[in-house]
Amino acid sequence: MNKDTEIFNRIFPLACRYMRVDVLKVDEEFNQKALDIFLELNKNVRFKGQHEFLTVDNLMNIDSELTSSSEDLVFYLDGCKDVVVFATTLGVDVDAYSKKLQARDMSSAVIYDALASSYLEYLTDEYEKSLNLGEHTFRFAPGYGDIPIKLNYIILDALSISKKIGIYKASNNMMLPQKSMITMCGLGKKTAPTCAHCIRLNSCSLRKEGYRCYNS
């Protein structure tokens, strides 16, 4: 098994979750199609990552009115003195190819998008592991629970992320390139992801279908 196939096998279950597909019921034809799409995706990926270590106080003071409004942010960072903030992206070529696929083959475009999202998670996981952070919380992002999505933009500016790795503000609470994300984890304690503190607990379509938005 080559490295590309190995990575595909690792990210495919999460991609299926994004597509609301039961990975245990996927036939060989669909699996092969997804693998072929992943190989094309991988040609387009130009992964970039940036991380910054901050004190929790410094993070909360980036926009104190915004951060203090989030019970989840306070909860997950409680007991942590420091936090590491990640900014990661697959690059603009992934977006460009996605638009081409949408114009000619929407079913392939859906698979491509799901694989790109799961690949970004995988590469960010690997980037996180390379830092040897020691005991830390799970990695979470603005938009998780009641953490304001607007915090993405505040962090982009505060850490000069646009200048460093080319992630920019876009409309509708999005970032460009689209397969980009800002995440963070608290240092010094271990906390696992849970649905219990999510603002979408009672309305989440994933939960209703027996899925979760995180790996556990």
C-alpha atoms as a PDB file:
ATOM      1  CA  MET A   1       0.000   0.000   0.000  1.00  0.00           C
ATOM      2  CA  ASN A   2       1.483   3.355  -1.027  1.00  0.00           C
ATOM      3  CA  LYS A   3       1.359   6.457   1.149  1.00  0.00           C
ATOM      4  CA  ASP A   4      -1.481   8.141  -0.782  1.00  0.00           C
ATOM      5  CA  THR A   5      -3.711   5.083  -0.406  1.00  0.00           C
ATOM      6  CA  GLU A   6      -2.838   4.833   3.280  1.00  0.00           C
ATOM      7  CA  ILE A   7      -3.839   8.462   3.865  1.00  0.00           C
ATOM      8  CA  PHE A   8      -7.025   7.985   1.845  1.00  0.00           C
ATOM      9  CA  ASN A   9      -8.012   5.005   3.996  1.00  0.00           C
ATOM     10  CA  ARG A  10      -7.510   7.129   7.105  1.00  0.00           C
ATOM     11  CA  ILE A  11      -9.581  10.115   5.967  1.00  0.00           C
ATOM     12  CA  PHE A  12     -12.288   8.305   4.001  1.00  0.00           C
ATOM     13  CA  PRO A  13     -14.466   7.409   7.050  1.00  0.00           C
ATOM     14  CA  LEU A  14     -14.634  11.078   8.086  1.00  0.00           C
ATOM     15  CA  ALA A  15     -15.376  12.129   4.501  1.00  0.00           C
ATOM     16  CA  CYS A  16     -18.244   9.630   4.463  1.00  0.00           C
ATOM     17  CA  ARG A  17     -19.525  11.134   7.694  1.00  0.00           C
ATOM     18  CA  TYR A  18     -19.556  14.572   6.059  1.00  0.00           C
ATOM     19  CA  MET A  19     -21.518  13.088   3.130  1.00  0.00           C
ATOM     20  CA  ARG A  20     -23.926  11.234   5.461  1.00  0.00           C
ATOM     21  CA  VAL A  21     -22.756   7.962   3.939  1.00  0.00           C
ATOM     22  CA  ASP A  22     -22.359   4.763   5.978  1.00  0.00           C
ATOM     23  CA  VAL A  23     -18.751   3.777   5.332  1.00  0.00           C
ATOM     24  CA  LEU A  24     -19.605   0.138   6.088  1.00  0.00           C
ATOM     25  CA  LYS A  25     -22.077   0.074   3.196  1.00  0.00           C
ATOM     26  CA  VAL A  26     -19.866   1.688   0.560  1.00  0.00           C
ATOM     27  CA  ASP A  27     -19.353  -0.527  -2.489  1.00  0.00           C
ATOM     28  CA  GLU A  28     -16.076  -1.006  -4.348  1.00  0.00           C
ATOM     29  CA  GLU A  29     -17.131   1.243  -7.217  1.00  0.00           C
ATOM     30  CA  PHE A  30     -17.790   4.201  -4.909  1.00  0.00           C
ATOM     31  CA  ASN A  31     -14.616   3.518  -2.959  1.00  0.00           C
ATOM     32  CA  GLN A  32     -12.525   3.497  -6.143  1.00  0.00           C
ATOM     33  CA  LYS A  33     -14.172   6.676  -7.417  1.00  0.00           C
ATOM     34  CA  ALA A  34     -13.417   8.405  -4.124  1.00  0.00           C
ATOM     35  CA  LEU A  35      -9.808   7.208  -4.214  1.00  0.00           C
ATOM     36  CA  ASP A  36      -9.349   8.548  -7.747  1.00  0.00           C
ATOM     37  CA  ILE A  37     -10.791  11.899  -6.660  1.00  0.00           C
ATOM     38  CA  PHE A  38      -8.486  11.974  -3.643  1.00  0.00           C
ATOM     39  CA  LEU A  39      -5.445  11.383  -5.847  1.00  0.00           C
ATOM     40  CA  GLU A  40      -6.508  14.379  -7.956  1.00  0.00           C
ATOM     41  CA  LEU A  41      -7.138  16.413  -4.800  1.00  0.00           C
ATOM     42  CA  ASN A  42      -3.694  15.588  -3.496  1.00  0.00           C
ATOM     43  CA  LYS A  43      -2.108  17.082  -6.630  1.00  0.00           C
ATOM     44  CA  ASN A  44      -3.781  20.396  -5.807  1.00  0.00           C
ATOM     45  CA  VAL A  45      -2.975  20.576  -2.100  1.00  0.00           C
ATOM     46  CA  ARG A  46      -0.440  23.161  -0.958  1.00  0.00           C
ATOM     47  CA  PHE A  47      -0.789  22.779   2.786  1.00  0.00           C
ATOM     48  CA  LYS A  48       0.391  25.659   4.954  1.00  0.00           C
ATOM     49  CA  GLY A  49       0.211  25.959   8.705  1.00  0.00           C
ATOM     50  CA  GLN A  50       0.932  28.581  11.313  1.00  0.00           C
ATOM     51  CA  HIS A  51       0.737  28.314  15.082  1.00  0.00           C
ATOM     52  CA  GLU A  52       1.057  30.824  17.881  1.00  0.00           C
ATOM     53  CA  PHE A  53       1.390  30.226  21.612  1.00  0.00           C
ATOM     54  CA  LEU A  54      -0.584  32.697  23.699  1.00  0.00           C
ATOM     55  CA  THR A  55      -1.565  32.982  27.306  1.00  0.00           C
ATOM     56  CA  VAL A  56      -5.254  32.360  27.829  1.00  0.00           C
ATOM     57  CA  ASP A  57      -5.540  35.939  29.094  1.00  0.00           C
ATOM     58  CA  ASN A  58      -4.022  37.272  25.861  1.00  0.00           C
ATOM     59  CA  LEU A  59      -6.440  35.213  23.777  1.00  0.00           C
ATOM     60  CA  MET A  60      -9.433  36.353  25.800  1.00  0.00           C
ATOM     61  CA  ASN A  61      -8.280  39.964  25.498  1.00  0.00           C
ATOM     62  CA  ILE A  62      -8.089  39.857  21.697  1.00  0.00           C
ATOM     63  CA  ASP A  63     -11.717  40.973  21.856  1.00  0.00           C
ATOM     64  CA  SER A  64     -12.846  40.667  25.455  1.00  0.00           C
ATOM     65  CA  GLU A  65     -16.497  41.432  24.729  1.00  0.00           C
ATOM     66  CA  LEU A  66     -16.631  38.703  22.079  1.00  0.00           C
ATOM     67  CA  THR A  67     -14.666  36.027  23.931  1.00  0.00           C
ATOM     68  CA  SER A  68     -16.378  36.561  27.271  1.00  0.00           C
ATOM     69  CA  SER A  69     -19.739  35.973  25.607  1.00  0.00           C
ATOM     70  CA  SER A  70     -18.804  32.319  24.997  1.00  0.00           C
ATOM     71  CA  GLU A  71     -19.432  29.943  27.865  1.00  0.00           C
ATOM     72  CA  ASP A  72     -17.828  27.120  25.867  1.00  0.00           C
ATOM     73  CA  LEU A  73     -14.570  29.002  25.313  1.00  0.00           C
ATOM     74  CA  VAL A  74     -14.336  29.779  29.017  1.00  0.00           C
ATOM     75  CA  PHE A  75     -15.248  26.176  29.903  1.00  0.00           C
ATOM     76  CA  TYR A  76     -12.695  24.478  27.649  1.00  0.00           C
ATOM     77  CA  LEU A  77      -9.856  26.801  28.636  1.00  0.00           C
ATOM     78  CA  ASP A  78     -10.639  26.713  32.348  1.00  0.00           C
ATOM     79  CA  GLY A  79      -7.538  25.526  34.199  1.00  0.00           C
ATOM     80  CA  CYS A  80      -5.250  26.294  31.248  1.00  0.00           C
ATOM     81  CA  LYS A  81      -2.632  29.026  31.469  1.00  0.00           C
ATOM     82  CA  ASP A  82      -1.648  28.876  27.793  1.00  0.00           C
ATOM     83  CA  VAL A  83      -3.288  28.118  24.483  1.00  0.00           C
ATOM     84  CA  VAL A  84      -1.963  27.317  21.023  1.00  0.00           C
ATOM     85  CA  VAL A  85      -3.815  28.762  18.029  1.00  0.00           C
ATOM     86  CA  PHE A  86      -3.531  27.045  14.645  1.00  0.00           C
ATOM     87  CA  ALA A  87      -4.239  28.434  11.190  1.00  0.00           C
ATOM     88  CA  THR A  88      -4.133  25.857   8.385  1.00  0.00           C
ATOM     89  CA  THR A  89      -5.093  25.801   4.722  1.00  0.00           C
ATOM     90  CA  LEU A  90      -5.012  23.507   1.699  1.00  0.00           C
ATOM     91  CA  GLY A  91      -4.385  26.463  -0.610  1.00  0.00           C
ATOM     92  CA  VAL A  92      -6.129  28.149  -3.539  1.00  0.00           C
ATOM     93  CA  ASP A  93      -5.589  25.346  -6.076  1.00  0.00           C
ATOM     94  CA  VAL A  94      -8.018  23.113  -4.164  1.00  0.00           C
ATOM     95  CA  ASP A  95     -10.742  25.765  -4.496  1.00  0.00           C
ATOM     96  CA  ALA A  96     -10.033  26.278  -8.188  1.00  0.00           C
ATOM     97  CA  TYR A  97     -10.373  22.599  -9.026  1.00  0.00           C
ATOM     98  CA  SER A  98     -13.523  22.342  -6.902  1.00  0.00           C
ATOM     99  CA  LYS A  99     -15.181  25.026  -9.046  1.00  0.00           C
ATOM    100  CA  LYS A 100     -14.270  23.129 -12.215  1.00  0.00           C
ATOM    101  CA  LEU A 101     -15.789  19.940 -10.828  1.00  0.00           C
ATOM    102  CA  GLN A 102     -18.994  21.723  -9.806  1.00  0.00           C
ATOM    103  CA  ALA A 103     -19.449  22.884 -13.378  1.00  0.00           C
ATOM    104  CA  ARG A 104     -19.132  19.435 -14.934  1.00  0.00           C
ATOM    105  CA  ASP A 105     -19.782  16.721 -12.319  1.00  0.00           C
ATOM    106  CA  MET A 106     -21.622  17.675  -9.145  1.00  0.00           C
ATOM    107  CA  SER A 107     -21.506  14.201  -7.577  1.00  0.00           C
ATOM    108  CA  SER A 108     -17.714  14.159  -7.884  1.00  0.00           C
ATOM    109  CA  ALA A 109     -17.599  17.721  -6.556  1.00  0.00           C
ATOM    110  CA  VAL A 110     -19.457  16.619  -3.404  1.00  0.00           C
ATOM    111  CA  ILE A 111     -16.980  13.794  -2.841  1.00  0.00           C
ATOM    112  CA  TYR A 112     -14.057  16.115  -3.531  1.00  0.00           C
ATOM    113  CA  ASP A 113     -15.343  18.667  -1.023  1.00  0.00           C
ATOM    114  CA  ALA A 114     -15.830  16.059   1.710  1.00  0.00           C
ATOM    115  CA  LEU A 115     -12.401  14.579   1.100  1.00  0.00           C
ATOM    116  CA  ALA A 116     -10.823  18.034   1.155  1.00  0.00           C
ATOM    117  CA  SER A 117     -12.438  18.824   4.514  1.00  0.00           C
ATOM    118  CA  SER A 118     -11.321  15.539   6.048  1.00  0.00           C
ATOM    119  CA  TYR A 119      -7.826  15.904   4.543  1.00  0.00           C
ATOM    120  CA  LEU A 120      -7.485  19.355   6.097  1.00  0.00           C
ATOM    121  CA  GLU A 121      -8.382  17.852   9.472  1.00  0.00           C
ATOM    122  CA  TYR A 122      -5.834  15.068   8.974  1.00  0.00           C
ATOM    123  CA  LEU A 123      -3.014  17.403   7.955  1.00  0.00           C
ATOM    124  CA  THR A 124      -3.809  19.725  10.850  1.00  0.00           C
ATOM    125  CA  ASP A 125      -3.741  16.727  13.200  1.00  0.00           C
ATOM    126  CA  GLU A 126      -0.299  15.817  11.880  1.00  0.00           C
ATOM    127  CA  TYR A 127       0.861  19.407  12.248  1.00  0.00           C
ATOM    128  CA  GLU A 128      -0.398  19.455  15.840  1.00  0.00           C
ATOM    129  CA  LYS A 129       1.356  16.164  16.645  1.00  0.00           C
ATOM    130  CA  SER A 130       4.655  17.543  15.329  1.00  0.00           C
ATOM    131  CA  LEU A 131       4.625  20.181  18.079  1.00  0.00           C
ATOM    132  CA  ASN A 132       4.703  17.647  20.933  1.00  0.00           C
ATOM    133  CA  LEU A 133       2.355  19.772  23.024  1.00  0.00           C
ATOM    134  CA  GLY A 134       2.080  17.433  25.986  1.00  0.00           C
ATOM    135  CA  GLU A 135      -1.246  17.321  27.818  1.00  0.00           C
ATOM    136  CA  HIS A 136      -3.826  19.486  26.055  1.00  0.00           C
ATOM    137  CA  THR A 137      -7.493  19.806  25.286  1.00  0.00           C
ATOM    138  CA  PHE A 138      -8.977  18.647  22.008  1.00  0.00           C
ATOM    139  CA  ARG A 139      -8.680  21.115  19.148  1.00  0.00           C
ATOM    140  CA  PHE A 140     -11.756  23.273  18.630  1.00  0.00           C
ATOM    141  CA  ALA A 141     -12.690  26.160  16.373  1.00  0.00           C
ATOM    142  CA  PRO A 142     -14.824  29.282  16.322  1.00  0.00           C
ATOM    143  CA  GLY A 143     -18.306  28.045  15.490  1.00  0.00           C
ATOM    144  CA  TYR A 144     -18.001  25.061  17.845  1.00  0.00           C
ATOM    145  CA  GLY A 145     -20.720  25.293  20.452  1.00  0.00           C
ATOM    146  CA  ASP A 146     -21.318  28.959  21.255  1.00  0.00           C
ATOM    147  CA  ILE A 147     -17.818  30.168  20.295  1.00  0.00           C
ATOM    148  CA  PRO A 148     -18.486  33.058  17.890  1.00  0.00           C
ATOM    149  CA  ILE A 149     -17.464  32.461  14.271  1.00  0.00           C
ATOM    150  CA  LYS A 150     -16.504  36.135  14.162  1.00  0.00           C
ATOM    151  CA  LEU A 151     -13.528  35.205  16.328  1.00  0.00           C
ATOM    152  CA  ASN A 152     -11.939  33.799  13.131  1.00  0.00           C
ATOM    153  CA  TYR A 153     -11.620  37.304  11.745  1.00  0.00           C
ATOM    154  CA  ILE A 154     -10.300  38.772  14.984  1.00  0.00           C
ATOM    155  CA  ILE A 155      -7.586  36.098  15.163  1.00  0.00           C
ATOM    156  CA  LEU A 156      -6.727  36.509  11.466  1.00  0.00           C
ATOM    157  CA  ASP A 157      -5.921  40.161  12.076  1.00  0.00           C
ATOM    158  CA  ALA A 158      -4.344  39.805  15.500  1.00  0.00           C
ATOM    159  CA  LEU A 159      -1.856  37.124  14.389  1.00  0.00           C
ATOM    160  CA  SER A 160      -1.230  38.542  10.871  1.00  0.00           C
ATOM    161  CA  ILE A 161      -2.276  35.221   9.367  1.00  0.00           C
ATOM    162  CA  SER A 162      -3.154  36.688   5.958  1.00  0.00           C
ATOM    163  CA  LYS A 163       0.390  37.954   5.502  1.00  0.00           C
ATOM    164  CA  LYS A 164       2.019  34.768   6.766  1.00  0.00           C
ATOM    165  CA  ILE A 165       0.117  31.934   5.051  1.00  0.00           C
ATOM    166  CA  GLY A 166      -2.466  33.613   2.831  1.00  0.00           C
ATOM    167  CA  ILE A 167      -5.796  33.042   4.578  1.00  0.00           C
ATOM    168  CA  TYR A 168      -8.125  35.995   4.044  1.00  0.00           C
ATOM    169  CA  LYS A 169     -11.487  37.240   5.222  1.00  0.00           C
ATOM    170  CA  ALA A 170     -14.457  36.529   3.004  1.00  0.00           C
ATOM    171  CA  SER A 171     -18.168  37.232   3.278  1.00  0.00           C
ATOM    172  CA  ASN A 172     -20.757  35.111   5.113  1.00  0.00           C
ATOM    173  CA  ASN A 173     -18.399  34.098   7.917  1.00  0.00           C
ATOM    174  CA  MET A 174     -16.176  32.263   5.443  1.00  0.00           C
ATOM    175  CA  MET A 175     -12.441  32.339   4.806  1.00  0.00           C
ATOM    176  CA  LEU A 176     -10.453  32.104   1.595  1.00  0.00           C
ATOM    177  CA  PRO A 177      -9.141  29.673   0.557  1.00  0.00           C
ATOM    178  CA  GLN A 178     -12.346  27.886   1.550  1.00  0.00           C
ATOM    179  CA  LYS A 179     -10.490  24.832   2.846  1.00  0.00           C
ATOM    180  CA  SER A 180      -8.888  26.802   5.652  1.00  0.00           C
ATOM    181  CA  MET A 181      -9.546  26.877   9.357  1.00  0.00           C
ATOM    182  CA  ILE A 182      -8.511  28.428  12.615  1.00  0.00           C
ATOM    183  CA  THR A 183      -8.478  26.129  15.618  1.00  0.00           C
ATOM    184  CA  MET A 184      -7.054  26.135  19.116  1.00  0.00           C
ATOM    185  CA  CYS A 185      -6.419  23.967  22.131  1.00  0.00           C
ATOM    186  CA  GLY A 186      -5.684  24.712  25.730  1.00  0.00           C
ATOM    187  CA  LEU A 187      -2.431  23.476  27.241  1.00  0.00           C
ATOM    188  CA  GLY A 188      -1.969  21.734  30.552  1.00  0.00           C
ATOM    189  CA  LYS A 189      -5.111  19.615  30.811  1.00  0.00           C
ATOM    190  CA  LYS A 190      -6.893  16.946  28.791  1.00  0.00           C
ATOM    191  CA  THR A 191     -10.464  17.495  27.645  1.00  0.00           C
ATOM    192  CA  ALA A 192     -12.302  15.428  25.050  1.00  0.00           C
ATOM    193  CA  PRO A 193     -14.911  16.788  22.631  1.00  0.00           C
ATOM    194  CA  THR A 194     -18.505  16.352  23.687  1.00  0.00           C
ATOM    195  CA  CYS A 195     -21.950  17.189  22.380  1.00  0.00           C
ATOM    196  CA  ALA A 196     -23.056  18.230  25.861  1.00  0.00           C
ATOM    197  CA  HIS A 197     -21.769  21.790  25.575  1.00  0.00           C
ATOM    198  CA  CYS A 198     -22.729  22.394  21.953  1.00  0.00           C
ATOM    199  CA  ILE A 199     -25.327  25.046  21.230  1.00  0.00           C
ATOM    200  CA  ARG A 200     -26.755  22.723  18.551  1.00  0.00           C
ATOM    201  CA  LEU A 201     -27.252  19.815  20.984  1.00  0.00           C
ATOM    202  CA  ASN A 202     -31.006  19.561  20.434  1.00  0.00           C
ATOM    203  CA  SER A 203     -31.107  20.546  16.771  1.00  0.00           C
ATOM    204  CA  CYS A 204     -28.021  18.849  15.308  1.00  0.00           C
ATOM    205  CA  SER A 205     -28.852  16.859  12.166  1.00  0.00           C
ATOM    206  CA  LEU A 206     -25.713  14.760  12.589  1.00  0.00           C
ATOM    207  CA  ARG A 207     -26.780  13.559  16.047  1.00  0.00           C
ATOM    208  CA  LYS A 208     -30.240  12.698  14.745  1.00  0.00           C
ATOM    209  CA  GLU A 209     -28.613  10.458  12.141  1.00  0.00           C
ATOM    210  CA  GLY A 210     -26.278   8.834  14.670  1.00  0.00           C
ATOM    211  CA  TYR A 211     -23.121  10.738  13.681  1.00  0.00           C
ATOM    212  CA  ARG A 212     -20.806  13.170  15.428  1.00  0.00           C
ATOM    213  CA  CYS A 213     -18.797  16.087  14.006  1.00  0.00           C
ATOM    214  CA  TYR A 214     -15.663  14.867  15.796  1.00  0.00           C
ATOM    215  CA  ASN A 215     -13.686  11.638  15.955  1.00  0.00           C
ATOM    216  CA  SER A 216     -14.132   9.623  19.102  1.00  0.00           C
END
